[in-house]
């Protein structure tokens, strides 16, 4: 699952000493945080750019999780594709994806104001920070798993970067929400749907009342002119 990043620097190179796994101590911390979020070795290798083999990474993950009293749950296969109909199929998943994309890209969304980070360490920090913020904001109870896991988040960013997923602006609430680029039609805004904002109905009600008020004002004005004459 490639994230479509350019030539990257700051890779997690294996340590040649006994001080730790990587040459850079910052990567030790990133590695520990990352393996708490995913056990998919191919994704770990991609995000870190490490020169360690997949088998070595697998053994390290298993050993580290074992020290924490946990067991690695490794998904099988190559993972999903951002163009798949099974990716973000429900409004609640698209709501979470909208929240995540806003945290990651900012209010202006992807583009010139959200350039791709060419340093692997900083790129991973950015991914981790956005995902942990999402989990803390929407799922503060640690016993409740978020609807989108870290791998799905990375897949979302990949799809947006590759223009396979577009962020559409809701004309009612102004939120930017993900939608598969190949699909036609006007998707229901998941933010309005999940939060039951009913912004469109409210706007139509306001416009109807304004029209009624104007009509009554014209009627009263015409009546006054008739009496005056």
C-alpha atoms as a PDB file:
ATOM      1  CA  UNK A   1       0.000   0.000   0.000  1.00  0.00           C
ATOM      2  CA  UNK A   2       2.139   2.828  -1.260  1.00  0.00           C
ATOM      3  CA  UNK A   3       1.272   6.311  -0.078  1.00  0.00           C
ATOM      4  CA  UNK A   4       2.467   7.944  -3.278  1.00  0.00           C
ATOM      5  CA  UNK A   5       5.227   9.968  -1.635  1.00  0.00           C
ATOM      6  CA  UNK A   6       8.244  11.381  -3.530  1.00  0.00           C
ATOM      7  CA  UNK A   7      11.881  10.485  -2.904  1.00  0.00           C
ATOM      8  CA  UNK A   8      12.099  10.418   0.868  1.00  0.00           C
ATOM      9  CA  UNK A   9      14.792  11.213   3.373  1.00  0.00           C
ATOM     10  CA  UNK A  10      15.166  10.453   7.053  1.00  0.00           C
ATOM     11  CA  UNK A  11      14.656   6.700   6.796  1.00  0.00           C
ATOM     12  CA  UNK A  12      14.715   4.436   9.858  1.00  0.00           C
ATOM     13  CA  UNK A  13      18.099   2.782   9.383  1.00  0.00           C
ATOM     14  CA  UNK A  14      19.021  -0.226  11.470  1.00  0.00           C
ATOM     15  CA  UNK A  15      21.448   0.396  14.310  1.00  0.00           C
ATOM     16  CA  UNK A  16      24.926  -1.078  14.060  1.00  0.00           C
ATOM     17  CA  UNK A  17      25.337  -0.900  17.819  1.00  0.00           C
ATOM     18  CA  UNK A  18      23.588  -2.481  20.762  1.00  0.00           C
ATOM     19  CA  UNK A  19      21.945   0.771  21.851  1.00  0.00           C
ATOM     20  CA  UNK A  20      18.700   0.079  20.017  1.00  0.00           C
ATOM     21  CA  UNK A  21      17.054  -1.087  16.830  1.00  0.00           C
ATOM     22  CA  UNK A  22      17.631   2.100  14.843  1.00  0.00           C
ATOM     23  CA  UNK A  23      20.497   4.531  14.459  1.00  0.00           C
ATOM     24  CA  UNK A  24      18.270   7.487  15.344  1.00  0.00           C
ATOM     25  CA  UNK A  25      16.737   7.403  18.837  1.00  0.00           C
ATOM     26  CA  UNK A  26      13.698   9.305  17.543  1.00  0.00           C
ATOM     27  CA  UNK A  27      12.890   6.339  15.350  1.00  0.00           C
ATOM     28  CA  UNK A  28      12.853   4.075  18.405  1.00  0.00           C
ATOM     29  CA  UNK A  29       9.980   6.124  19.819  1.00  0.00           C
ATOM     30  CA  UNK A  30       8.174   6.272  16.477  1.00  0.00           C
ATOM     31  CA  UNK A  31       8.525   2.515  16.044  1.00  0.00           C
ATOM     32  CA  UNK A  32       6.997   1.793  19.448  1.00  0.00           C
ATOM     33  CA  UNK A  33       4.084   4.135  18.758  1.00  0.00           C
ATOM     34  CA  UNK A  34       3.580   2.743  15.257  1.00  0.00           C
ATOM     35  CA  UNK A  35       3.415  -0.913  16.267  1.00  0.00           C
ATOM     36  CA  UNK A  36       0.731  -0.032  18.801  1.00  0.00           C
ATOM     37  CA  UNK A  37      -1.334   1.200  15.849  1.00  0.00           C
ATOM     38  CA  UNK A  38      -0.679  -1.507  13.249  1.00  0.00           C
ATOM     39  CA  UNK A  39       0.868  -4.962  12.959  1.00  0.00           C
ATOM     40  CA  UNK A  40       0.955  -4.993   9.139  1.00  0.00           C
ATOM     41  CA  UNK A  41       4.675  -5.326   8.450  1.00  0.00           C
ATOM     42  CA  UNK A  42       4.451  -4.058   4.873  1.00  0.00           C
ATOM     43  CA  UNK A  43       2.889  -0.804   6.083  1.00  0.00           C
ATOM     44  CA  UNK A  44       5.474  -0.422   8.847  1.00  0.00           C
ATOM     45  CA  UNK A  45       8.307  -0.855   6.333  1.00  0.00           C
ATOM     46  CA  UNK A  46       6.735   1.653   3.942  1.00  0.00           C
ATOM     47  CA  UNK A  47       6.167   4.297   6.599  1.00  0.00           C
ATOM     48  CA  UNK A  48       9.618   3.935   8.127  1.00  0.00           C
ATOM     49  CA  UNK A  49      11.657   3.218   4.995  1.00  0.00           C
ATOM     50  CA  UNK A  50      13.722   0.847   7.129  1.00  0.00           C
ATOM     51  CA  UNK A  51      16.450  -1.371   5.719  1.00  0.00           C
ATOM     52  CA  UNK A  52      15.332  -4.182   8.029  1.00  0.00           C
ATOM     53  CA  UNK A  53      13.679  -7.173   6.379  1.00  0.00           C
ATOM     54  CA  UNK A  54       9.986  -7.922   6.710  1.00  0.00           C
ATOM     55  CA  UNK A  55      10.744 -11.043   8.748  1.00  0.00           C
ATOM     56  CA  UNK A  56      12.947  -9.040  11.115  1.00  0.00           C
ATOM     57  CA  UNK A  57      10.230  -6.410  11.540  1.00  0.00           C
ATOM     58  CA  UNK A  58       7.677  -9.154  12.207  1.00  0.00           C
ATOM     59  CA  UNK A  59       9.878 -10.706  14.888  1.00  0.00           C
ATOM     60  CA  UNK A  60      10.550  -7.316  16.487  1.00  0.00           C
ATOM     61  CA  UNK A  61       6.843  -6.474  16.553  1.00  0.00           C
ATOM     62  CA  UNK A  62       5.948  -9.839  18.066  1.00  0.00           C
ATOM     63  CA  UNK A  63       8.678  -9.519  20.687  1.00  0.00           C
ATOM     64  CA  UNK A  64       7.765  -5.943  21.648  1.00  0.00           C
ATOM     65  CA  UNK A  65       4.042  -6.686  21.871  1.00  0.00           C
ATOM     66  CA  UNK A  66       4.816  -9.796  23.910  1.00  0.00           C
ATOM     67  CA  UNK A  67       6.701  -7.630  26.413  1.00  0.00           C
ATOM     68  CA  UNK A  68       3.548  -5.516  26.735  1.00  0.00           C
ATOM     69  CA  UNK A  69       1.378  -8.597  27.221  1.00  0.00           C
ATOM     70  CA  UNK A  70      -0.210  -8.262  23.786  1.00  0.00           C
ATOM     71  CA  UNK A  71      -0.457 -10.465  20.709  1.00  0.00           C
ATOM     72  CA  UNK A  72      -0.096  -9.212  17.155  1.00  0.00           C
ATOM     73  CA  UNK A  73      -3.290  -9.458  15.113  1.00  0.00           C
ATOM     74  CA  UNK A  74      -2.038  -9.439  11.559  1.00  0.00           C
ATOM     75  CA  UNK A  75      -4.492  -8.860   8.702  1.00  0.00           C
ATOM     76  CA  UNK A  76      -4.076 -11.242   5.794  1.00  0.00           C
ATOM     77  CA  UNK A  77      -3.686 -10.291   2.165  1.00  0.00           C
ATOM     78  CA  UNK A  78      -2.558  -7.065   0.558  1.00  0.00           C
ATOM     79  CA  UNK A  79      -5.174  -4.832   2.141  1.00  0.00           C
ATOM     80  CA  UNK A  80      -7.963  -2.881   0.512  1.00  0.00           C
ATOM     81  CA  UNK A  81      -7.813  -0.372  -2.322  1.00  0.00           C
ATOM     82  CA  UNK A  82      -9.133   3.200  -2.003  1.00  0.00           C
ATOM     83  CA  UNK A  83     -11.229   2.665  -5.165  1.00  0.00           C
ATOM     84  CA  UNK A  84     -12.942  -0.406  -3.717  1.00  0.00           C
ATOM     85  CA  UNK A  85     -16.685  -0.228  -3.037  1.00  0.00           C
ATOM     86  CA  UNK A  86     -15.981  -1.785   0.362  1.00  0.00           C
ATOM     87  CA  UNK A  87     -13.883   1.197   1.433  1.00  0.00           C
ATOM     88  CA  UNK A  88     -15.899   3.783   3.389  1.00  0.00           C
ATOM     89  CA  UNK A  89     -19.263   2.236   2.440  1.00  0.00           C
ATOM     90  CA  UNK A  90     -21.342   3.797   5.231  1.00  0.00           C
ATOM     91  CA  UNK A  91     -22.138   7.348   6.250  1.00  0.00           C
ATOM     92  CA  UNK A  92     -20.638   6.849   9.725  1.00  0.00           C
ATOM     93  CA  UNK A  93     -17.335   5.678   8.226  1.00  0.00           C
ATOM     94  CA  UNK A  94     -17.336   8.626   5.828  1.00  0.00           C
ATOM     95  CA  UNK A  95     -18.060  10.904   8.796  1.00  0.00           C
ATOM     96  CA  UNK A  96     -14.942   9.609  10.563  1.00  0.00           C
ATOM     97  CA  UNK A  97     -12.978   9.905   7.321  1.00  0.00           C
ATOM     98  CA  UNK A  98     -14.100  13.528   6.972  1.00  0.00           C
ATOM     99  CA  UNK A  99     -12.922  14.210  10.514  1.00  0.00           C
ATOM    100  CA  UNK A 100      -9.566  12.509   9.903  1.00  0.00           C
ATOM    101  CA  UNK A 101      -8.941  14.306   6.617  1.00  0.00           C
ATOM    102  CA  UNK A 102      -9.695  17.644   8.288  1.00  0.00           C
ATOM    103  CA  UNK A 103      -7.207  16.860  11.055  1.00  0.00           C
ATOM    104  CA  UNK A 104      -4.550  15.769   8.575  1.00  0.00           C
ATOM    105  CA  UNK A 105      -4.911  18.321   5.763  1.00  0.00           C
ATOM    106  CA  UNK A 106      -6.349  21.246   7.675  1.00  0.00           C
ATOM    107  CA  UNK A 107      -9.406  23.317   6.852  1.00  0.00           C
ATOM    108  CA  UNK A 108      -8.230  24.159   3.341  1.00  0.00           C
ATOM    109  CA  UNK A 109      -7.818  20.525   2.405  1.00  0.00           C
ATOM    110  CA  UNK A 110      -5.144  18.981   0.158  1.00  0.00           C
ATOM    111  CA  UNK A 111      -3.353  21.060  -2.431  1.00  0.00           C
ATOM    112  CA  UNK A 112      -0.778  23.811  -2.421  1.00  0.00           C
ATOM    113  CA  UNK A 113      -1.335  24.471   1.294  1.00  0.00           C
ATOM    114  CA  UNK A 114      -0.754  20.805   2.152  1.00  0.00           C
ATOM    115  CA  UNK A 115       2.442  19.740   0.428  1.00  0.00           C
ATOM    116  CA  UNK A 116       3.719  16.194   0.738  1.00  0.00           C
ATOM    117  CA  UNK A 117       6.336  15.862   3.488  1.00  0.00           C
ATOM    118  CA  UNK A 118       9.553  14.460   1.981  1.00  0.00           C
ATOM    119  CA  UNK A 119      11.105  13.474   5.309  1.00  0.00           C
ATOM    120  CA  UNK A 120       9.855  10.073   6.433  1.00  0.00           C
ATOM    121  CA  UNK A 121      10.163  10.841  10.121  1.00  0.00           C
ATOM    122  CA  UNK A 122       8.138  14.050   9.935  1.00  0.00           C
ATOM    123  CA  UNK A 123       5.644  12.418   7.550  1.00  0.00           C
ATOM    124  CA  UNK A 124       5.031   9.612  10.034  1.00  0.00           C
ATOM    125  CA  UNK A 125       4.789  12.069  12.936  1.00  0.00           C
ATOM    126  CA  UNK A 126       2.075  13.902  11.053  1.00  0.00           C
ATOM    127  CA  UNK A 127       0.105  10.713  10.395  1.00  0.00           C
ATOM    128  CA  UNK A 128       0.391   9.528  13.984  1.00  0.00           C
ATOM    129  CA  UNK A 129      -0.539  12.922  15.439  1.00  0.00           C
ATOM    130  CA  UNK A 130      -3.707  13.165  13.323  1.00  0.00           C
ATOM    131  CA  UNK A 131      -4.798   9.607  14.089  1.00  0.00           C
ATOM    132  CA  UNK A 132      -4.201   9.886  17.843  1.00  0.00           C
ATOM    133  CA  UNK A 133      -6.105  13.192  17.899  1.00  0.00           C
ATOM    134  CA  UNK A 134      -9.017  11.547  16.043  1.00  0.00           C
ATOM    135  CA  UNK A 135      -9.081   8.666  18.486  1.00  0.00           C
ATOM    136  CA  UNK A 136      -8.909  10.964  21.511  1.00  0.00           C
ATOM    137  CA  UNK A 137     -11.649  13.274  20.204  1.00  0.00           C
ATOM    138  CA  UNK A 138     -14.183  10.724  18.964  1.00  0.00           C
ATOM    139  CA  UNK A 139     -13.275   7.627  20.981  1.00  0.00           C
ATOM    140  CA  UNK A 140     -11.974   8.761  24.373  1.00  0.00           C
ATOM    141  CA  UNK A 141     -13.032   5.434  25.915  1.00  0.00           C
ATOM    142  CA  UNK A 142      -9.994   3.155  25.350  1.00  0.00           C
ATOM    143  CA  UNK A 143     -12.238   0.069  25.355  1.00  0.00           C
ATOM    144  CA  UNK A 144     -14.037   1.278  22.210  1.00  0.00           C
ATOM    145  CA  UNK A 145     -12.264   0.735  18.899  1.00  0.00           C
ATOM    146  CA  UNK A 146     -12.541   3.563  16.355  1.00  0.00           C
ATOM    147  CA  UNK A 147     -14.491   2.847  13.186  1.00  0.00           C
ATOM    148  CA  UNK A 148     -11.412   3.545  11.070  1.00  0.00           C
ATOM    149  CA  UNK A 149      -8.139   1.921  12.050  1.00  0.00           C
ATOM    150  CA  UNK A 150      -4.709   3.315  11.291  1.00  0.00           C
ATOM    151  CA  UNK A 151      -4.365   1.288   8.099  1.00  0.00           C
ATOM    152  CA  UNK A 152      -7.683   2.658   6.800  1.00  0.00           C
ATOM    153  CA  UNK A 153      -6.493   6.167   7.631  1.00  0.00           C
ATOM    154  CA  UNK A 154      -3.315   5.643   5.598  1.00  0.00           C
ATOM    155  CA  UNK A 155      -5.428   4.253   2.763  1.00  0.00           C
ATOM    156  CA  UNK A 156      -7.647   7.337   2.904  1.00  0.00           C
ATOM    157  CA  UNK A 157      -4.649   9.675   2.596  1.00  0.00           C
ATOM    158  CA  UNK A 158      -3.260   7.570  -0.231  1.00  0.00           C
ATOM    159  CA  UNK A 159      -6.561   7.761  -2.106  1.00  0.00           C
ATOM    160  CA  UNK A 160      -6.831  11.521  -1.684  1.00  0.00           C
ATOM    161  CA  UNK A 161      -3.226  12.059  -2.783  1.00  0.00           C
ATOM    162  CA  UNK A 162      -3.827   9.904  -5.886  1.00  0.00           C
ATOM    163  CA  UNK A 163      -7.128  11.693  -6.683  1.00  0.00           C
ATOM    164  CA  UNK A 164      -8.955   8.389  -6.306  1.00  0.00           C
ATOM    165  CA  UNK A 165     -10.922   9.915  -3.451  1.00  0.00           C
ATOM    166  CA  UNK A 166     -12.060  13.522  -3.644  1.00  0.00           C
ATOM    167  CA  UNK A 167     -13.099  15.785  -0.824  1.00  0.00           C
ATOM    168  CA  UNK A 168     -16.417  17.395  -1.664  1.00  0.00           C
ATOM    169  CA  UNK A 169     -17.724  20.515   0.003  1.00  0.00           C
ATOM    170  CA  UNK A 170     -21.180  20.307   1.527  1.00  0.00           C
ATOM    171  CA  UNK A 171     -23.153  23.380   0.380  1.00  0.00           C
ATOM    172  CA  UNK A 172     -25.175  23.297   3.592  1.00  0.00           C
ATOM    173  CA  UNK A 173     -22.732  22.806   6.494  1.00  0.00           C
ATOM    174  CA  UNK A 174     -19.483  23.580   4.642  1.00  0.00           C
ATOM    175  CA  UNK A 175     -17.778  20.326   5.638  1.00  0.00           C
ATOM    176  CA  UNK A 176     -15.382  18.545   3.296  1.00  0.00           C
ATOM    177  CA  UNK A 177     -16.202  14.862   3.042  1.00  0.00           C
ATOM    178  CA  UNK A 178     -14.661  11.984   1.041  1.00  0.00           C
ATOM    179  CA  UNK A 179     -16.287  10.491  -2.027  1.00  0.00           C
ATOM    180  CA  UNK A 180     -14.980   8.006  -4.613  1.00  0.00           C
ATOM    181  CA  UNK A 181     -13.924  10.005  -7.673  1.00  0.00           C
ATOM    182  CA  UNK A 182     -15.376   7.486 -10.129  1.00  0.00           C
ATOM    183  CA  UNK A 183     -18.887   7.652  -8.674  1.00  0.00           C
ATOM    184  CA  UNK A 184     -21.465   9.998 -10.146  1.00  0.00           C
ATOM    185  CA  UNK A 185     -24.228  11.823  -8.357  1.00  0.00           C
ATOM    186  CA  UNK A 186     -24.385  14.018  -5.308  1.00  0.00           C
ATOM    187  CA  UNK A 187     -23.485  12.122  -2.135  1.00  0.00           C
ATOM    188  CA  UNK A 188     -25.285  12.799   1.098  1.00  0.00           C
ATOM    189  CA  UNK A 189     -23.021  14.766   3.424  1.00  0.00           C
ATOM    190  CA  UNK A 190     -22.095  12.373   6.264  1.00  0.00           C
ATOM    191  CA  UNK A 191     -21.600  15.269   8.675  1.00  0.00           C
ATOM    192  CA  UNK A 192     -25.143  16.542   8.169  1.00  0.00           C
ATOM    193  CA  UNK A 193     -26.504  12.977   8.251  1.00  0.00           C
ATOM    194  CA  UNK A 194     -24.661  11.749  11.348  1.00  0.00           C
ATOM    195  CA  UNK A 195     -25.131  14.949  13.353  1.00  0.00           C
ATOM    196  CA  UNK A 196     -28.685  15.340  12.018  1.00  0.00           C
ATOM    197  CA  UNK A 197     -27.997  18.974  11.203  1.00  0.00           C
ATOM    198  CA  UNK A 198     -30.780  19.324   8.615  1.00  0.00           C
ATOM    199  CA  UNK A 199     -29.068  22.437   7.342  1.00  0.00           C
ATOM    200  CA  UNK A 200     -30.781  22.251   3.946  1.00  0.00           C
ATOM    201  CA  UNK A 201     -34.252  22.032   5.484  1.00  0.00           C
ATOM    202  CA  UNK A 202     -33.444  24.864   7.860  1.00  0.00           C
ATOM    203  CA  UNK A 203     -32.238  27.049   5.004  1.00  0.00           C
ATOM    204  CA  UNK A 204     -35.364  26.323   2.963  1.00  0.00           C
ATOM    205  CA  UNK A 205     -37.542  27.186   5.964  1.00  0.00           C
ATOM    206  CA  UNK A 206     -35.701  30.474   6.438  1.00  0.00           C
ATOM    207  CA  UNK A 207     -36.046  31.347   2.746  1.00  0.00           C
ATOM    208  CA  UNK A 208     -39.775  30.495   2.825  1.00  0.00           C
ATOM    209  CA  UNK A 209     -40.291  32.770   5.836  1.00  0.00           C
ATOM    210  CA  UNK A 210     -38.385  35.589   4.144  1.00  0.00           C
ATOM    211  CA  UNK A 211     -40.568  35.245   1.038  1.00  0.00           C
ATOM    212  CA  UNK A 212     -43.701  35.235   3.203  1.00  0.00           C
ATOM    213  CA  UNK A 213     -42.547  38.308   5.076  1.00  0.00           C
ATOM    214  CA  UNK A 214     -41.801  40.163   1.850  1.00  0.00           C
ATOM    215  CA  UNK A 215     -45.168  39.183   0.419  1.00  0.00           C
ATOM    216  CA  UNK A 216     -46.959  40.414   3.531  1.00  0.00           C
ATOM    217  CA  UNK A 217     -44.961  43.652   3.454  1.00  0.00           C
ATOM    218  CA  UNK A 218     -45.967  44.265  -0.161  1.00  0.00           C
ATOM    219  CA  UNK A 219     -49.619  43.523   0.675  1.00  0.00           C
ATOM    220  CA  UNK A 220     -49.625  45.922   3.609  1.00  0.00           C
ATOM    221  CA  UNK A 221     -47.898  48.588   1.523  1.00  0.00           C
ATOM    222  CA  UNK A 222     -50.471  48.227  -1.244  1.00  0.00           C
ATOM    223  CA  UNK A 223     -53.284  48.450   1.301  1.00  0.00           C
ATOM    224  CA  UNK A 224     -51.880  51.649   2.796  1.00  0.00           C
ATOM    225  CA  UNK A 225     -51.552  53.236  -0.628  1.00  0.00           C
ATOM    226  CA  UNK A 226     -55.156  52.292  -1.438  1.00  0.00           C
ATOM    227  CA  UNK A 227     -56.425  53.874   1.792  1.00  0.00           C
ATOM    228  CA  UNK A 228     -54.363  57.000   1.161  1.00  0.00           C
ATOM    229  CA  UNK A 229     -56.050  57.515  -2.173  1.00  0.00           C
END
